[in-house]
Amino acid sequence: LSLFSSRLGLPRTCRILANTGFTAVLRNGKKANDSLFSVTTVPNQLAHARLGITVSRKVSPRAVQRNRIKRQVRESFRQHRLTLCGVDLVIIARPQAADSDNKALKAALQQHWERIQRQCRSS
C-alpha cells in the first residue's frame, strides 16, 4: 500500500521550493496568460518537470479558497507531469480563479499543459 500511495503523490523533487527558483523562472521564462492563471515556463537540466505555485491574498483573503486552488493545480500537474518535458513551471493564480469552480480551473490548466507539451515536442 505504501508503494502505491507514494507513486500517487507529488515528490519533493518535482516542486520548486526556494525563492531563488521562483525568481529564476519568472525572470527568464516564457509567459502564457488566461483569465485564471499566469504560467511561466523555463527549460531545466532535469529529466522531469518541476512546479511552483503562487496564490496570493489578492486572489482571495480566505485561506480556504487559496488552498483549494493550490490543491487543484497540484493534482492537475501530478496527472500530467510524466508527459511534460524537463521544464520548471511557476503558476500564479489570478483573482478570478477564486470565483471559478474546480471544473473551470481544471479546464484552464489542461489548456496550459497542452501548450507546454507542444513546446516540448517542437524542441
Protein backbone atom coordinates (compact mmCIF):
# COMPACT_ATOMS: atom_id res chain seq x y z
CA LEU A 1 0.00 0.00 0.00
CA SER A 2 2.81 2.46 0.75
CA LEU A 3 4.41 1.85 -2.66
CA PHE A 4 1.11 2.58 -4.37
CA SER A 5 0.45 5.77 -2.40
CA SER A 6 3.99 7.09 -2.88
CA ARG A 7 3.60 6.90 -6.67
CA LEU A 8 0.43 8.98 -6.50
CA GLY A 9 1.98 11.83 -4.53
CA LEU A 10 3.98 14.75 -5.78
CA PRO A 11 7.60 14.13 -4.79
CA ARG A 12 9.74 16.90 -3.41
CA THR A 13 11.97 16.68 -6.48
CA CYS A 14 9.02 17.81 -8.62
CA ARG A 15 8.48 21.04 -6.72
CA ILE A 16 10.23 24.39 -6.78
CA LEU A 17 10.73 25.16 -3.12
CA ALA A 18 13.25 28.00 -2.86
CA ASN A 19 12.54 31.63 -3.60
CA THR A 20 15.56 31.70 -5.93
CA GLY A 21 13.94 29.02 -8.09
CA PHE A 22 10.77 31.09 -8.42
CA THR A 23 12.62 34.28 -9.34
CA ALA A 24 14.81 32.47 -11.89
CA VAL A 25 11.74 31.11 -13.68
CA LEU A 26 9.87 34.42 -13.54
CA ARG A 27 12.85 36.39 -14.90
CA ASN A 28 13.90 34.03 -17.70
CA GLY A 29 10.75 32.16 -18.67
CA LYS A 30 8.08 32.36 -21.32
CA LYS A 31 4.70 33.52 -20.09
CA ALA A 32 1.22 32.39 -21.06
CA ASN A 33 -1.84 34.05 -19.54
CA ASP A 34 -5.52 33.43 -19.36
CA SER A 35 -8.23 34.77 -17.08
CA LEU A 36 -7.44 32.30 -14.27
CA PHE A 37 -3.68 31.69 -14.37
CA SER A 38 -0.39 33.12 -15.47
CA VAL A 39 2.01 30.28 -16.32
CA THR A 40 5.73 30.90 -16.77
CA THR A 41 7.99 28.13 -18.09
CA VAL A 42 11.73 27.78 -18.50
CA PRO A 43 13.70 24.67 -19.54
CA ASN A 44 15.64 22.95 -16.77
CA GLN A 45 18.53 20.49 -16.88
CA LEU A 46 16.46 17.69 -15.35
CA ALA A 47 14.54 14.87 -16.99
CA HIS A 48 11.31 15.87 -15.26
CA ALA A 49 9.16 18.95 -14.76
CA ARG A 50 9.07 20.95 -11.52
CA LEU A 51 6.17 23.06 -10.26
CA GLY A 52 5.91 26.24 -8.22
CA ILE A 53 2.54 27.70 -7.21
CA THR A 54 1.70 31.21 -6.05
CA VAL A 55 -1.75 32.12 -4.79
CA SER A 56 -1.64 35.46 -3.00
CA ARG A 57 -4.13 37.14 -0.72
CA LYS A 58 -5.06 39.37 -3.63
CA VAL A 59 -6.65 36.29 -5.20
CA SER A 60 -8.75 35.67 -2.10
CA PRO A 61 -8.43 36.79 1.50
CA ARG A 62 -9.76 33.39 2.57
CA ALA A 63 -7.14 30.68 3.05
CA VAL A 64 -9.74 28.03 2.24
CA GLN A 65 -10.10 29.41 -1.29
CA ARG A 66 -6.35 29.78 -1.81
CA ASN A 67 -5.72 26.23 -0.62
CA ARG A 68 -8.45 24.86 -2.92
CA ILE A 69 -6.80 26.49 -5.91
CA LYS A 70 -3.39 25.12 -4.92
CA ARG A 71 -4.82 21.60 -4.49
CA GLN A 72 -6.39 21.74 -7.94
CA VAL A 73 -3.13 22.92 -9.53
CA ARG A 74 -1.07 20.24 -7.75
CA GLU A 75 -3.47 17.47 -8.69
CA SER A 76 -3.64 18.53 -12.33
CA PHE A 77 0.16 18.77 -12.50
CA ARG A 78 0.53 15.36 -10.84
CA GLN A 79 -1.67 13.80 -13.52
CA HIS A 80 0.27 15.44 -16.39
CA ARG A 81 3.83 15.62 -15.08
CA LEU A 82 5.01 12.49 -16.89
CA THR A 83 4.00 13.97 -20.25
CA LEU A 84 5.84 17.24 -19.65
CA CYS A 85 9.49 17.53 -20.62
CA GLY A 86 12.20 19.00 -18.40
CA VAL A 87 10.73 22.40 -17.58
CA ASP A 88 10.31 24.50 -14.48
CA LEU A 89 6.81 25.98 -14.18
CA VAL A 90 5.53 28.76 -11.96
CA ILE A 91 1.77 29.09 -11.88
CA ILE A 92 0.35 32.32 -10.50
CA ALA A 93 -3.37 32.34 -9.79
CA ARG A 94 -5.39 35.40 -10.76
CA PRO A 95 -8.27 36.82 -8.69
CA GLN A 96 -10.91 35.32 -10.99
CA ALA A 97 -9.67 31.82 -10.03
CA ALA A 98 -11.21 32.21 -6.56
CA ASP A 99 -14.66 32.65 -8.09
CA SER A 100 -14.28 29.76 -10.54
CA ASP A 101 -15.35 26.21 -9.81
CA ASN A 102 -12.96 23.26 -9.89
CA LYS A 103 -14.10 22.23 -13.37
CA ALA A 104 -13.13 25.62 -14.82
CA LEU A 105 -9.76 25.51 -13.06
CA LYS A 106 -9.04 22.05 -14.48
CA ALA A 107 -10.05 23.13 -17.99
CA ALA A 108 -7.78 26.19 -17.88
CA LEU A 109 -4.88 24.11 -16.59
CA GLN A 110 -5.48 21.46 -19.27
CA GLN A 111 -5.01 24.11 -21.97
CA HIS A 112 -1.74 25.19 -20.38
CA TRP A 113 -0.47 21.59 -20.17
CA GLU A 114 -1.28 21.02 -23.85
CA ARG A 115 0.59 24.19 -24.84
CA ILE A 116 3.65 23.10 -22.82
CA GLN A 117 3.52 19.61 -24.34
CA ARG A 118 3.52 21.15 -27.83
CA GLN A 119 6.58 23.21 -26.86
CA CYS A 120 8.30 20.07 -25.60
CA ARG A 121 7.65 18.21 -28.86
CA SER A 122 8.94 21.07 -31.00
CA SER A 123 12.20 21.47 -29.07
